[in-house]
């Protein structure tokens, strides 16, 4: 009987199965990681757009708005025709960019808080968060743009009406 060196077919099949199971687990985890990274990127990009709108209102001395389209899941900066009293119809696009939510992410709603403490939730149609040249949101005290990503990952942009601050916060209830 002649003895040859090498692997048997059974040994090779076991190695192929182990490699296949390992790649399946790695591929699934990789997709989850990519979705989470895309959601984080969208949250940060939306935050930067809100901060930029506030800065543009202060520097140009004109009203600016963050136009939120719930159907398309987009945010866009618009510029008003005056320092106060601009209407939504009078707002014009000032940048070529629109922040669009990637697959699995969405803009859930916008909560506005009036100076008297009344909170109003909006989750349909286009909605404009108007920022005055002084940096305030009058008559609003605070605006929260709530967004969610895959696997329940949530974030919100909080725009304060009485100061130039805008914050990106993880989670909301």
Protein backbone atom coordinates (compact mmCIF):
# COMPACT_ATOMS: atom_id res chain seq x y z
CA UNK A 1 0.00 0.00 0.00
CA UNK A 2 1.34 3.35 -1.06
CA UNK A 3 1.06 6.23 1.40
CA UNK A 4 0.64 9.75 -0.07
CA UNK A 5 0.89 13.00 1.81
CA UNK A 6 -1.82 15.66 1.70
CA UNK A 7 -5.32 16.28 2.92
CA UNK A 8 -8.36 14.16 2.43
CA UNK A 9 -11.48 15.51 0.81
CA UNK A 10 -13.29 15.42 4.16
CA UNK A 11 -10.64 17.59 5.82
CA UNK A 12 -10.82 20.15 3.01
CA UNK A 13 -14.63 20.24 3.22
CA UNK A 14 -14.47 20.92 6.97
CA UNK A 15 -12.03 23.81 6.43
CA UNK A 16 -14.28 25.31 3.70
CA UNK A 17 -17.35 25.07 5.99
CA UNK A 18 -15.48 26.76 8.87
CA UNK A 19 -14.29 29.57 6.57
CA UNK A 20 -17.84 29.99 5.20
CA UNK A 21 -19.38 30.27 8.68
CA UNK A 22 -16.70 32.76 9.75
CA UNK A 23 -17.27 34.95 6.68
CA UNK A 24 -21.03 34.85 7.16
CA UNK A 25 -20.67 36.11 10.74
CA UNK A 26 -18.11 38.73 9.71
CA UNK A 27 -20.27 39.92 6.79
CA UNK A 28 -23.33 40.36 9.00
CA UNK A 29 -21.36 42.27 11.62
CA UNK A 30 -19.73 44.37 8.91
CA UNK A 31 -23.14 45.37 7.52
CA UNK A 32 -24.36 46.35 11.00
CA UNK A 33 -21.21 48.41 11.49
CA UNK A 34 -21.65 50.14 8.10
CA UNK A 35 -25.31 50.98 8.88
CA UNK A 36 -24.35 52.41 12.27
CA UNK A 37 -21.50 54.43 10.74
CA UNK A 38 -23.86 55.80 8.05
CA UNK A 39 -26.38 56.79 10.73
CA UNK A 40 -23.70 58.54 12.78
CA UNK A 41 -22.48 60.37 9.69
CA UNK A 42 -26.01 61.51 8.88
CA UNK A 43 -26.58 62.73 12.45
CA UNK A 44 -23.31 64.72 12.41
CA UNK A 45 -23.98 66.14 8.94
CA UNK A 46 -27.48 67.28 9.95
CA UNK A 47 -26.00 68.88 13.08
CA UNK A 48 -23.41 70.75 11.01
CA UNK A 49 -26.14 71.97 8.67
CA UNK A 50 -28.14 73.34 11.64
CA UNK A 51 -25.04 75.05 13.05
CA UNK A 52 -24.20 76.50 9.64
CA UNK A 53 -27.73 77.89 9.22
CA UNK A 54 -27.41 79.68 12.55
CA UNK A 55 -23.98 81.08 11.60
CA UNK A 56 -25.23 82.22 8.19
CA UNK A 57 -28.16 84.07 9.78
CA UNK A 58 -25.78 85.90 12.12
CA UNK A 59 -23.21 86.76 9.45
CA UNK A 60 -25.56 87.84 6.62
CA UNK A 61 -28.12 89.60 8.88
CA UNK A 62 -30.95 87.78 7.08
CA UNK A 63 -33.34 85.14 8.27
CA UNK A 64 -32.33 81.60 7.43
CA UNK A 65 -34.28 78.41 7.79
CA UNK A 66 -33.55 74.73 8.07
CA UNK A 67 -36.14 73.18 5.77
CA UNK A 68 -36.99 69.66 6.92
CA UNK A 69 -38.83 67.39 4.49
CA UNK A 70 -40.17 64.37 6.36
CA UNK A 71 -41.23 62.55 3.18
CA UNK A 72 -37.81 62.75 1.53
CA UNK A 73 -35.91 62.66 4.87
CA UNK A 74 -33.84 65.71 3.96
CA UNK A 75 -32.56 68.92 5.56
CA UNK A 76 -31.66 72.00 3.55
CA UNK A 77 -30.58 75.56 4.39
CA UNK A 78 -32.79 78.31 2.97
CA UNK A 79 -32.27 82.10 3.09
CA UNK A 80 -35.02 84.62 3.67
CA UNK A 81 -35.49 87.87 1.77
CA UNK A 82 -35.40 90.05 4.89
CA UNK A 83 -34.05 90.26 8.40
CA UNK A 84 -37.51 89.51 9.88
CA UNK A 85 -40.87 88.38 8.55
CA UNK A 86 -39.68 86.13 5.72
CA UNK A 87 -42.32 83.71 4.55
CA UNK A 88 -41.66 80.09 3.59
CA UNK A 89 -42.52 80.98 0.00
CA UNK A 90 -39.90 83.75 0.05
CA UNK A 91 -37.09 81.47 1.20
CA UNK A 92 -34.49 80.63 -1.45
CA UNK A 93 -31.91 77.84 -1.56
CA UNK A 94 -28.45 79.23 -0.74
CA UNK A 95 -26.38 76.07 -0.94
CA UNK A 96 -26.06 73.27 -3.43
CA UNK A 97 -26.13 70.65 -0.70
CA UNK A 98 -29.01 68.79 0.82
CA UNK A 99 -28.48 66.42 3.72
CA UNK A 100 -30.30 63.19 2.89
CA UNK A 101 -30.84 60.36 5.35
CA UNK A 102 -29.19 57.09 4.23
CA UNK A 103 -31.12 53.84 4.07
CA UNK A 104 -32.42 52.82 7.47
CA UNK A 105 -32.30 56.37 8.87
CA UNK A 106 -35.10 58.91 9.09
CA UNK A 107 -36.10 62.24 10.54
CA UNK A 108 -38.84 61.28 12.99
CA UNK A 109 -40.21 64.60 14.16
CA UNK A 110 -39.50 68.16 15.20
CA UNK A 111 -40.48 69.33 18.67
CA UNK A 112 -40.83 73.07 19.11
CA UNK A 113 -41.06 74.69 22.52
CA UNK A 114 -42.61 78.15 22.72
CA UNK A 115 -41.51 80.73 25.28
CA UNK A 116 -44.56 79.86 27.41
CA UNK A 117 -43.47 76.18 27.56
CA UNK A 118 -45.98 74.78 25.05
CA UNK A 119 -44.46 71.87 23.11
CA UNK A 120 -45.66 71.09 19.59
CA UNK A 121 -44.65 68.00 17.60
CA UNK A 122 -44.51 68.01 13.81
CA UNK A 123 -43.80 64.93 11.69
CA UNK A 124 -45.40 65.60 8.30
CA UNK A 125 -44.80 67.75 5.27
CA UNK A 126 -42.01 70.25 4.89
CA UNK A 127 -41.25 72.21 8.05
CA UNK A 128 -39.07 75.33 8.37
CA UNK A 129 -37.09 76.14 11.50
CA UNK A 130 -36.61 79.89 11.02
CA UNK A 131 -33.50 81.46 12.54
CA UNK A 132 -33.41 85.25 12.97
CA UNK A 133 -30.26 87.34 12.35
CA UNK A 134 -29.83 87.80 16.09
CA UNK A 135 -29.46 84.01 16.35
CA UNK A 136 -32.77 83.51 18.11
CA UNK A 137 -35.74 81.41 17.05
CA UNK A 138 -38.39 83.86 18.28
CA UNK A 139 -41.22 83.09 18.99
CA UNK A 140 -39.74 79.66 19.76
CA UNK A 141 -37.58 78.96 22.79
CA UNK A 142 -36.11 75.66 21.60
CA UNK A 143 -36.29 73.25 18.66
CA UNK A 144 -35.43 69.54 18.79
CA UNK A 145 -34.98 67.64 15.53
CA UNK A 146 -35.32 63.95 16.39
CA UNK A 147 -33.78 61.34 14.10
CA UNK A 148 -33.38 57.59 14.25
CA UNK A 149 -31.17 55.08 12.57
CA UNK A 150 -31.05 51.31 12.20
CA UNK A 151 -31.25 49.11 15.29
CA UNK A 152 -32.99 51.78 17.34
CA UNK A 153 -30.04 54.22 17.32
CA UNK A 154 -31.51 57.67 18.09
CA UNK A 155 -30.12 61.17 18.13
CA UNK A 156 -31.49 64.69 18.32
CA UNK A 157 -30.30 68.13 17.36
CA UNK A 158 -31.23 70.68 20.00
CA UNK A 159 -31.24 74.31 18.82
CA UNK A 160 -31.53 76.82 21.62
CA UNK A 161 -33.45 80.00 20.83
CA UNK A 162 -31.81 82.28 23.36
CA UNK A 163 -28.18 81.55 22.51
CA UNK A 164 -26.04 80.65 19.53
CA UNK A 165 -25.68 77.07 20.77
CA UNK A 166 -26.69 73.98 18.85
CA UNK A 167 -26.12 70.53 20.31
CA UNK A 168 -26.14 66.98 18.99
CA UNK A 169 -27.38 64.58 21.66
CA UNK A 170 -27.61 60.81 21.65
CA UNK A 171 -31.01 59.30 22.34
CA UNK A 172 -34.42 60.74 23.06
CA UNK A 173 -37.64 59.41 24.52
